[in-house]
Amino acid sequence: MKIAVLFDGPAALGKGADLAILDTVEAVERALVPDGNEAVRIPVNPDGRWVERVRRGKFELIFNLCEGIDGVAELEPSVISAIEVIGLPYTGSSSWTTSLCLRKHVINSVLDRAGLPIPRFAVVHPGEPMPHVGYPAIVKPAAEDASIGVEQRSVVRTARQLAERVVAMHERWDEVIVQKYVDGREVNVGILGNEALPVAEIDFGGMPRGMWRIVSYRSKWETGCDEDIGSVPHCPAKLGKELTEECKRIALRAWRVSGGEGYGRVDMRIDRHGKPWILEVNSNPDIAPDAGLARMARVAGYDYAEMIHRVCASALKRSRRSADEQWLAARTLSGVPATAADYAALDLFVAQG
């Protein structure tokens, strides 16, 4: 099978290159090539030429590792939209789901409406009055990923601290989310296909005294710093069977509500009363061999290569329903029964019996 591996070109190959991106590309290639697949790297650049390379490349599958263009997360759904227009099978969630999950206040509203546990939140734009969600509260960009904009000063205890932090954030972002801070244990539930993987927990036991127990930008990206050492992931989490199953149930429900496909991750906090609260639905989490999703998959019994193959299989399975099949199903559900001639035209007559 000929597979295009898409990644953020400027971020991986430009000045100040993020070598972790290429490390993940290489890991995916190592998982695919031994089985006879041909993996072709295609950097996604702002000039759009990558679209023509994909269109003319006679690829059978797109393995999408692109989390934005030149590090701009809001362009991530645009890459998926282009793939959808071309009509090739691709890994991961749709452009619609990715757009939904990228804007935290929007996905929170959807999940809250579905009856899922979401800490009280509000979005604030420049010039608007400060929202009231209770204290402590955490202030974050409404549409960023990778913990960008999250630091110790993101958690505020007073109205004055809230106002100062929101004003500071508005220097860079127009939409800022303010959410009630849940003091408790932080867990992650990875999803592979339709399966919830073993629950992982962030151990904040080594966090320096006086620091908030949060997964900040520094803790993710400054290896060896105090916040990195103080936030260590462990899998499986020692939650007990009942709470573990509750976290998985909530995660799968949130994943279905958001329309997630292929693989993802749901992050939660468990308060002092043992109640899980959803922090985020990540429709395109880091899929590197040393990242959380791969760690959870290994505990479930899947090595890295098998995880990658399952991601590919999910993408190919989703693509098998053609647009004509979907239209036929829509007509049937609109009161126009399908005939044998309809199925024969779609080369489905034998399969449908």
Protein backbone atom coordinates (compact mmCIF):
# COMPACT_ATOMS: atom_id res chain seq x y z
CA MET A 1 0.00 0.00 0.00
CA LYS A 2 1.27 3.47 -0.88
CA ILE A 3 0.83 5.78 2.11
CA ALA A 4 1.45 9.52 2.32
CA VAL A 5 2.70 10.68 5.72
CA LEU A 6 1.70 14.30 6.24
CA PHE A 7 3.39 16.56 8.78
CA ASP A 8 3.87 20.27 9.55
CA GLY A 9 6.65 21.21 7.12
CA PRO A 10 7.75 24.62 8.47
CA ALA A 11 7.68 23.42 12.09
CA ALA A 12 9.71 20.28 11.32
CA LEU A 13 12.11 21.58 8.68
CA GLY A 14 12.36 25.35 9.17
CA LYS A 15 14.43 27.49 11.52
CA GLY A 16 14.31 26.16 15.06
CA ALA A 17 13.05 22.83 13.71
CA ASP A 18 10.99 20.67 16.05
CA LEU A 19 12.87 17.40 15.62
CA ALA A 20 10.23 15.54 17.63
CA ILE A 21 7.93 15.81 14.60
CA LEU A 22 10.41 14.00 12.36
CA ASP A 23 11.05 11.43 15.10
CA THR A 24 7.34 10.57 15.01
CA VAL A 25 7.34 10.46 11.20
CA GLU A 26 10.25 8.02 11.30
CA ALA A 27 8.53 5.89 13.94
CA VAL A 28 5.38 5.63 11.83
CA GLU A 29 7.49 4.69 8.79
CA ARG A 30 9.26 1.98 10.79
CA ALA A 31 5.88 0.56 11.75
CA LEU A 32 4.53 0.54 8.20
CA VAL A 33 7.40 -0.30 5.84
CA PRO A 34 8.30 -3.82 7.12
CA ASP A 35 4.87 -5.02 6.01
CA GLY A 36 5.55 -4.03 2.43
CA ASN A 37 3.99 -0.57 2.53
CA GLU A 38 5.57 2.40 0.79
CA ALA A 39 5.62 5.49 3.03
CA VAL A 40 6.15 8.85 1.33
CA ARG A 41 6.81 11.95 3.44
CA ILE A 42 4.88 15.03 2.43
CA PRO A 43 5.56 18.24 4.38
CA VAL A 44 2.51 20.49 4.59
CA ASN A 45 3.64 24.02 3.72
CA PRO A 46 1.64 27.26 3.49
CA ASP A 47 2.05 27.44 -0.30
CA GLY A 48 -0.43 24.59 -0.73
CA ARG A 49 1.71 22.61 -3.16
CA TRP A 50 1.39 19.57 -0.92
CA VAL A 51 -2.24 19.25 -2.07
CA GLU A 52 -1.16 18.62 -5.66
CA ARG A 53 1.46 16.09 -4.51
CA VAL A 54 -1.24 14.20 -2.63
CA ARG A 55 -3.70 14.43 -5.52
CA ARG A 56 -1.24 13.11 -8.11
CA GLY A 57 0.58 10.64 -5.87
CA LYS A 58 -1.73 7.65 -6.36
CA PHE A 59 -1.86 7.12 -2.61
CA GLU A 60 -4.17 4.59 -1.02
CA LEU A 61 -4.07 6.13 2.45
CA ILE A 62 -3.06 9.39 4.13
CA PHE A 63 -1.42 9.07 7.54
CA ASN A 64 -2.07 12.51 8.96
CA LEU A 65 0.47 13.72 11.54
CA CYS A 66 -0.16 17.39 10.83
CA GLU A 67 -1.20 19.35 13.93
CA GLY A 68 -1.16 22.71 12.17
CA ILE A 69 0.89 24.66 9.65
CA ASP A 70 3.99 26.40 10.96
CA GLY A 71 2.75 25.65 14.45
CA VAL A 72 -0.61 27.42 13.94
CA ALA A 73 -3.12 25.03 15.50
CA GLU A 74 -6.20 26.68 13.97
CA LEU A 75 -5.00 25.55 10.52
CA GLU A 76 -5.09 21.88 11.56
CA PRO A 77 -8.72 21.33 10.42
CA SER A 78 -7.95 23.00 7.07
CA VAL A 79 -5.42 20.29 6.24
CA ILE A 80 -8.02 17.59 6.93
CA SER A 81 -10.62 19.48 4.87
CA ALA A 82 -8.28 19.44 1.87
CA ILE A 83 -7.81 15.68 2.23
CA GLU A 84 -11.58 15.24 2.44
CA VAL A 85 -12.06 17.23 -0.78
CA ILE A 86 -9.49 15.04 -2.55
CA GLY A 87 -11.44 12.02 -1.32
CA LEU A 88 -8.67 9.79 0.00
CA PRO A 89 -8.88 7.69 3.18
CA TYR A 90 -7.05 9.34 6.07
CA THR A 91 -6.23 8.55 9.67
CA GLY A 92 -7.79 10.32 12.62
CA SER A 93 -10.90 12.40 13.05
CA SER A 94 -12.75 14.52 10.53
CA SER A 95 -12.20 18.23 9.97
CA TRP A 96 -15.52 18.90 11.69
CA THR A 97 -14.58 17.00 14.85
CA THR A 98 -11.11 18.52 14.89
CA SER A 99 -12.54 22.03 14.60
CA LEU A 100 -15.04 21.29 17.36
CA CYS A 101 -12.46 19.91 19.79
CA LEU A 102 -9.95 22.66 19.07
CA ARG A 103 -12.29 25.34 20.43
CA LYS A 104 -12.58 24.41 24.09
CA HIS A 105 -15.67 26.46 24.90
CA VAL A 106 -17.57 25.01 21.93
CA ILE A 107 -16.83 21.36 22.73
CA ASN A 108 -17.55 22.08 26.40
CA SER A 109 -20.98 23.38 25.47
CA VAL A 110 -21.71 20.32 23.34
CA LEU A 111 -20.60 17.89 26.05
CA ASP A 112 -22.43 19.80 28.77
CA ARG A 113 -25.63 19.71 26.71
CA ALA A 114 -25.15 15.94 26.37
CA GLY A 115 -25.18 15.63 30.16
CA LEU A 116 -21.48 14.98 30.58
CA PRO A 117 -19.56 16.44 33.55
CA ILE A 118 -17.91 19.75 32.56
CA PRO A 119 -16.50 22.20 35.13
CA ARG A 120 -18.26 25.56 35.03
CA PHE A 121 -16.74 27.76 32.31
CA ALA A 122 -17.13 30.94 30.29
CA VAL A 123 -15.41 32.51 27.30
CA VAL A 124 -14.37 36.14 27.45
CA HIS A 125 -13.41 38.50 24.62
CA PRO A 126 -11.50 41.78 24.91
CA GLY A 127 -13.56 44.51 26.58
CA GLU A 128 -16.11 42.11 28.06
CA PRO A 129 -16.75 41.90 31.82
CA MET A 130 -14.97 39.22 33.79
CA PRO A 131 -16.99 35.99 34.09
CA HIS A 132 -17.84 34.35 37.41
CA VAL A 133 -17.12 30.63 37.57
CA GLY A 134 -15.84 30.40 41.14
CA TYR A 135 -12.32 30.22 42.56
CA PRO A 136 -9.76 28.97 42.05
CA ALA A 137 -10.17 29.25 38.29
CA ILE A 138 -7.87 28.49 35.38
CA VAL A 139 -7.43 30.79 32.38
CA LYS A 140 -6.43 29.36 29.00
CA PRO A 141 -6.53 30.21 25.29
CA ALA A 142 -9.84 28.95 23.94
CA ALA A 143 -8.36 27.43 20.78
CA GLU A 144 -4.82 26.17 21.35
CA ASP A 145 -3.31 22.78 22.04
CA ALA A 146 -0.07 21.38 23.52
CA SER A 147 -0.68 23.43 26.72
CA ILE A 148 0.29 26.65 24.93
CA GLY A 149 -0.60 29.57 27.19
CA VAL A 150 -0.80 27.40 30.31
CA GLU A 151 1.56 28.20 33.21
CA GLN A 152 1.47 28.54 36.96
CA ARG A 153 -0.04 32.03 36.69
CA SER A 154 -2.93 30.53 34.71
CA VAL A 155 -4.59 29.47 37.97
CA VAL A 156 -6.08 32.43 39.84
CA ARG A 157 -7.59 32.80 43.30
CA THR A 158 -9.10 36.29 43.23
CA ALA A 159 -11.03 38.64 40.95
CA ARG A 160 -7.94 40.83 40.65
CA GLN A 161 -5.72 37.94 39.58
CA LEU A 162 -8.40 36.85 37.12
CA ALA A 163 -8.63 40.29 35.53
CA GLU A 164 -4.84 40.61 35.28
CA ARG A 165 -4.45 37.20 33.68
CA VAL A 166 -7.29 37.68 31.21
CA VAL A 167 -5.96 41.08 30.12
CA ALA A 168 -2.49 39.57 29.66
CA MET A 169 -3.90 36.68 27.59
CA HIS A 170 -5.85 39.09 25.39
CA GLU A 171 -2.57 40.56 24.20
CA ARG A 172 -2.16 37.36 22.19
CA TRP A 173 -5.60 35.69 21.98
CA ASP A 174 -9.05 37.18 21.41
CA GLU A 175 -10.91 34.22 22.86
CA VAL A 176 -9.95 33.17 26.37
CA ILE A 177 -11.68 30.48 28.40
CA VAL A 178 -12.08 30.80 32.17
CA GLN A 179 -12.96 27.55 33.93
CA LYS A 180 -13.44 26.40 37.49
CA TYR A 181 -10.25 24.69 38.62
CA VAL A 182 -10.82 21.13 39.81
CA ASP A 183 -8.37 20.28 42.57
CA GLY A 184 -7.73 16.57 42.38
CA ARG A 185 -6.19 13.73 40.42
CA GLU A 186 -5.59 14.11 36.68
CA VAL A 187 -6.18 11.15 34.39
CA ASN A 188 -6.08 10.46 30.67
CA VAL A 189 -8.17 7.93 28.77
CA GLY A 190 -6.75 6.96 25.39
CA ILE A 191 -9.10 5.72 22.67
CA LEU A 192 -8.09 3.39 19.85
CA GLY A 193 -10.88 2.67 17.40
CA ASN A 194 -13.88 2.06 19.64
CA GLU A 195 -11.82 0.85 22.58
CA ALA A 196 -10.98 2.79 25.73
CA LEU A 197 -7.38 2.00 26.65
CA PRO A 198 -6.11 1.55 30.22
CA VAL A 199 -6.45 4.79 32.18
CA ALA A 200 -3.25 6.74 32.88
CA GLU A 201 -2.66 9.23 35.70
CA ILE A 202 -0.37 12.24 36.05
CA ASP A 203 1.50 11.87 39.33
CA PHE A 204 2.06 15.34 40.79
CA GLY A 205 3.84 13.97 43.87
CA GLY A 206 7.14 15.55 42.85
CA MET A 207 5.73 19.01 42.15
CA PRO A 208 7.56 21.67 44.20
CA ARG A 209 5.65 22.96 47.18
CA GLY A 210 3.45 25.95 46.43
CA MET A 211 3.03 25.13 42.75
CA TRP A 212 -0.31 24.31 41.17
CA ARG A 213 -0.68 20.69 40.12
CA ILE A 214 -1.30 21.28 36.44
CA VAL A 215 0.15 20.06 33.15
CA SER A 216 1.72 23.30 31.95
CA TYR A 217 3.60 24.14 28.78
CA ARG A 218 6.88 23.86 30.68
CA SER A 219 5.99 20.45 32.07
CA LYS A 220 5.36 19.16 28.54
CA TRP A 221 8.20 20.75 26.64
CA GLU A 222 11.06 21.67 29.02
CA THR A 223 12.55 18.28 29.78
CA GLY A 224 14.11 18.11 33.23
CA CYS A 225 12.55 21.30 34.59
CA ASP A 226 10.84 21.32 37.99
CA GLU A 227 7.35 21.06 36.50
CA ASP A 228 8.40 18.22 34.21
CA ILE A 229 9.85 16.25 37.12
CA GLY A 230 6.77 17.07 39.17
CA SER A 231 4.24 15.70 36.67
CA VAL A 232 5.04 12.09 35.81
CA PRO A 233 2.55 9.89 33.89
CA HIS A 234 1.80 6.39 35.15
CA CYS A 235 -0.27 3.68 33.51
CA PRO A 236 -2.40 2.00 34.60
CA ALA A 237 -3.80 4.44 37.13
CA LYS A 238 -4.62 3.01 40.55
CA LEU A 239 -8.24 4.13 40.71
CA GLY A 240 -10.07 0.97 41.60
CA LYS A 241 -12.28 -0.96 39.20
CA GLU A 242 -15.47 1.07 39.61
CA LEU A 243 -13.85 4.49 39.11
CA THR A 244 -11.73 3.19 36.24
CA GLU A 245 -14.81 1.94 34.40
CA GLU A 246 -16.61 5.22 35.10
CA CYS A 247 -13.76 7.20 33.55
CA LYS A 248 -13.77 4.94 30.49
CA ARG A 249 -17.53 5.22 30.14
CA ILE A 250 -17.42 9.01 30.27
CA ALA A 251 -14.50 9.14 27.82
CA LEU A 252 -16.19 6.92 25.24
CA ARG A 253 -19.43 8.88 25.55
CA ALA A 254 -17.57 12.17 25.05
CA TRP A 255 -15.71 10.66 22.08
CA ARG A 256 -18.96 9.59 20.41
CA VAL A 257 -20.67 12.91 21.09
CA SER A 258 -17.76 14.78 19.51
CA GLY A 259 -17.73 12.46 16.47
CA GLY A 260 -14.21 11.21 17.15
CA GLU A 261 -12.74 8.50 14.94
CA GLY A 262 -9.56 6.44 14.80
CA TYR A 263 -7.72 7.50 17.92
CA GLY A 264 -7.93 10.20 20.56
CA ARG A 265 -7.59 11.05 24.21
CA VAL A 266 -9.92 12.43 26.86
CA ASP A 267 -8.34 14.26 29.80
CA MET A 268 -10.13 14.45 33.15
CA ARG A 269 -9.81 15.56 36.75
CA ILE A 270 -11.22 13.53 39.62
CA ASP A 271 -12.31 15.74 42.51
CA ARG A 272 -11.99 14.96 46.22
CA HIS A 273 -15.41 13.30 46.14
CA GLY A 274 -14.34 10.86 43.44
CA LYS A 275 -16.28 12.51 40.61
CA PRO A 276 -14.59 12.71 37.18
CA TRP A 277 -14.77 16.00 35.25
CA ILE A 278 -13.84 16.34 31.57
CA LEU A 279 -11.07 18.85 30.85
CA GLU A 280 -10.52 18.22 27.16
CA VAL A 281 -11.28 15.94 24.22
CA ASN A 282 -8.15 15.71 22.10
CA SER A 283 -9.00 14.49 18.61
CA ASN A 284 -5.37 14.45 17.44
CA PRO A 285 -3.11 13.62 20.40
CA ASP A 286 0.61 13.03 20.12
CA ILE A 287 1.11 9.59 18.59
CA ALA A 288 4.88 9.33 19.17
CA PRO A 289 6.23 6.07 20.63
CA ASP A 290 6.99 7.75 23.96
CA ALA A 291 3.72 9.71 24.19
CA GLY A 292 0.75 8.91 26.39
CA LEU A 293 -1.38 7.17 23.77
CA ALA A 294 1.35 4.67 22.87
CA ARG A 295 2.04 4.10 26.57
CA MET A 296 -1.61 3.26 27.21
CA ALA A 297 -1.71 1.03 24.12
CA ARG A 298 1.31 -0.94 25.37
CA VAL A 299 -0.43 -1.59 28.68
CA ALA A 300 -3.41 -2.84 26.67
CA GLY A 301 -1.09 -5.30 24.90
CA TYR A 302 -0.47 -3.45 21.61
CA ASP A 303 3.08 -2.66 20.63
CA TYR A 304 3.71 0.51 18.65
CA ALA A 305 3.54 -1.14 15.22
CA GLU A 306 0.22 -2.80 16.06
CA MET A 307 -1.21 0.49 17.30
CA ILE A 308 -0.23 2.19 14.04
CA HIS A 309 -1.74 -0.63 12.01
CA ARG A 310 -4.99 -0.38 13.97
CA VAL A 311 -5.11 3.34 13.26
CA CYS A 312 -4.70 2.60 9.54
CA ALA A 313 -7.31 -0.16 9.59
CA SER A 314 -9.81 2.17 11.21
CA ALA A 315 -9.23 4.77 8.50
CA LEU A 316 -9.67 2.26 5.69
CA LYS A 317 -12.81 0.79 7.25
CA ARG A 318 -14.38 4.24 7.52
CA SER A 319 -13.66 5.01 3.86
CA ARG A 320 -15.39 1.91 2.51
CA ARG A 321 -18.81 3.57 2.58
CA SER A 322 -18.87 5.53 -0.64
CA ALA A 323 -20.79 8.76 -1.16
CA ASP A 324 -23.27 6.80 -3.31
CA GLU A 325 -23.87 4.32 -0.49
CA GLN A 326 -24.47 7.13 1.95
CA TRP A 327 -26.91 8.79 -0.44
CA LEU A 328 -28.75 5.51 -0.92
CA ALA A 329 -29.04 5.09 2.83
CA ALA A 330 -30.28 8.68 3.18
CA ARG A 331 -32.98 8.14 0.54
CA THR A 332 -34.07 4.92 2.23
CA LEU A 333 -34.39 6.68 5.57
CA SER A 334 -36.37 9.42 3.81
CA GLY A 335 -39.05 6.95 2.74
CA VAL A 336 -37.76 5.92 -0.69
CA PRO A 337 -36.98 2.17 -0.47
CA ALA A 338 -33.90 0.94 -2.29
CA THR A 339 -34.47 -1.46 -5.16
CA ALA A 340 -32.42 -4.34 -6.51
CA ALA A 341 -31.45 -2.07 -9.40
CA ASP A 342 -30.07 0.49 -6.93
CA TYR A 343 -27.87 -2.09 -5.27
CA ALA A 344 -26.79 -3.56 -8.59
CA ALA A 345 -25.76 -0.10 -9.79
CA LEU A 346 -23.56 0.20 -6.73
CA ASP A 347 -22.19 -3.31 -7.21
CA LEU A 348 -23.76 -4.18 -3.84
CA PHE A 349 -26.56 -6.46 -4.95
CA VAL A 350 -24.82 -9.70 -4.05
CA ALA A 351 -23.54 -8.33 -0.74
CA GLN A 352 -27.01 -7.16 0.25
CA GLY A 353 -28.69 -10.39 -0.83
